[in-house]
Every structure is written in C-alpha cells, then in structure tokens.
Amino acid sequence: MKIEQIEIKNFKAFKHAVMKDIPNLCVVVGANGTGKSTLFDVFGFLKDAMTDNVTSALNKRGGFVQVVSRNIDKPIELEIKFREDKDKPLVTYHLIISLEAGKPVVEREILKYRRGSKGKPWHFLDFSRGRGSSITTELEYLEDETKELERQDQKLSRPDILAIKGLSQFEQFPVAVKFGKLIENWHISDFHITSARTIQDDAYAEHLSREGENLSLVTKYLYDQHHFVFLSILDKLKSRVPGITSVSAKTTEEGRVLLKFQDGSFKDPFLARYVSDGTIKMFAYLVLLYDPAPHPLLCIEEPENQLYPKLLVELAEEFRLYANKGGQVFVSTHSPDFLNAMKIEEVFWLEKKNGYTGIKRAFDNEQLKIYMENGDQMGYLWTQGFFEEVDTI
C-alpha cells in the first residue's frame, strides 16, 4: 500500500500544505524549524489516534491548542490518498478534528474511492461526532459495480474515536481493514544511540522500538527465531561498514547475544560495545530494514547523525532497496552526502513563509532538472542554494 498524496491543514507549522506524487523513497530537506519533524508527526499522530483516540493523541502533543496552527481558529484537517496496489483505485481518507466545549471531537471522517474508472467517489465510510454510516458489505460492491449501495447507520462510544479503528476489525470492510493495519504498523523512528547501547534483560521484542532501546532484545529474537535473517544482516553489515572483515555472534550463559567484530587492522576481534556509534546505528537500521514482518511505512529523521559520510550512500541504498520491495520510506536529512545519493524525483523541501510551512517537489523545478540531467547531484545543488527559499546554513 503506497501513499501518493498528503494534505495538511492547521497542524502546527502547516497552515495548508500539499505533498503530491510521493515516491516509494521520499527525502525531505529544509532548515531547522521549517517542520520536518512536524511532517513526520502527522503520521505519528494518526497512529496514536488509531491506537487509542484523538484526545489521547493530542494530549501527547500538549493538547489541541498546541497542535492547531498559531493564530488559526479552524479545525485540524488531514487527508491521505493511497493505493492498495498499482492497479487498484485511489483511496482517500479525510479527517477533520475540531474543539467543542473544550474537548476534541472528530468533526468529519470519510473513507472514499471510486467503483470503476468513472463516476464520483463513493463514501464507504462517513462519520461525524461519533455517528455515521458505512457500506454494509463492501466486498459485494467491489465485485459488482452495478449493485446498489446499502448503508448501515452506526454509533461510536465516543466522539473522539476514529471510525476507521472500529471498522478495521471486520473483514467485510477490506479497504478499512488494510488502511487500519497500515496505520497501526507505521514506524516513526527517533533513534538514540545511547538508548540502543542499553542491554535489556527479562523481556521480549520482535520489532525495533522508536528510540531503539530494545535493540538487544530484537537481536536475540532474530538470532533465535529468524537465524537466516540474522546472518544476512551480519553479512550486510560487513559489506556496508568499511574495515570490518567479519561479524559473528555468540550467546552467553544468561542467553544474551553478543556481536563480535573483526577489524582487518587488528588480530583479535572485539565486542559490539567497543565499536563506533556509527557501526551500531548501521546495525540498528539493518535490523529495522530486514524485519521479517516489515513495516509498510518508515519515517526516519536525520539518519546521518553518528554516521561516517561514506556510510550514508550505503544507507541510502538500503532505504531504496526496502522501498523497492514494497515498503515506503520517508527520510529527513541535513546531509549533502546523503542527498547526493538521491534521485530528483525522490526529493522534497520545506520552505517557511510568514510563519507557516509549504512543501515543494524538486522534480517540479525545471532548473534543478536541467542541472541533474547535466550530471549534478542533489546535495551539491542544495548547498549551493538552488533550492528556492531554503536556508542551508
């Protein structure tokens, strides 16, 4: 499932911004404070709202008044357009959140798409303030475009609960189910190397956490349950990190899995706790990218931190491989070296005017296209000031 467009209204720095023609690998650049983290937080907010409710998701961010754009007395609006597969219809999910009597409510929530190639989009889900309707047997209508639509009125327990959360539990709503699972399995990374070096005991984890503090647990899980994947990650690490000639693993009496690295310059191997921050970070990203149950969408902020510049090209290639296999990857960066590994259609930049942020697509800039056709690279063009309205300092 691939997101093709995002429209954001009145969400923090985004008074009104549209991101169109989103590729499988999408790289976002911009000066500090333009809203790169906020863009990714749109995904985080939807995931939190799906997991719990809108009120809880807003409270994690300081409440409605802290999330809605400054000096704006309008509701928050988010719209995502996506396709299940290339040959499937474009699906639109639209969400409007307002404040009533000091409490957040879902003012409108719509899931719509066309049946067939012509005609207006049908609202397969349409809710407002906890009440609404949905198509009773969506599968029948997808199989027979001439069949008359029948709706069923429904009521949610609270006006701040997403209807998509309720319907995603039932197989008769396949698009709702798939979109619900898509949101639930998004991964928004805020990786911290100090957290990743933590050794956790007496716990279990199959997927890398947001900050990476459970890396030791996921390593053990992969070693025990997906050993072939584990070995392939070690092989990848050896090929991606210069100087490392071999990587092996051993288990301790306590059941921990310890990595041993062999540097070609030294006779004896050394344990993972002695390797560089960059090597640990590359290992963590490979664990994330080669997860046996991959996330449909990854959001990764500034992967260049703690990484040697030469590793960034290697990491960019890993992100692209992941995206080409069916996942979707959003990356924010300040690194010209990382950006040099990007294609022009993969790059977007943020610009801030009059206190609010807009989104531009590099491929829409004719001058950038000419430079790239003549052999330039995106990172050099960015540092030389060819991205309009971007402060690269």
Foldseek 3Di string as FASTA:
>chain_A
DDWAKKWWDQFAQANTAIDGRAALFAEEEFDPPLQLVVVLVVLVLLLVCLVPWNQVSQVVQVHDVNTGYPPDQAWIKMKIWDAPDPPGWIKIWIWTWHADPNHIFTQWIFIWTDQDDDDDIDTQWIDGQFKTKHFPQQVVCNVPVPDDTDIDIDGHPGRGHDPLSVVLVDVSVPVSVVVSVLSNQEAEAPADLVLLPADDPDDADCAQHRHNNCVQRNLLCCVPPVVVLNVVLQVLLCVLDPQWPGKDWDADPRGTIWIWTDGPVDDGIDTPVPDFSQSSLSSNVSSQLSRVPHRQEYEEEASCVRHDLSSLLVVLVSSVVSSVVRHGYYYYHLDLSNQQNDDQQNYKYWARDPSHIYIGRSVVDPVSVVVVVVPDGRSVCVVVPVPPRHDSD
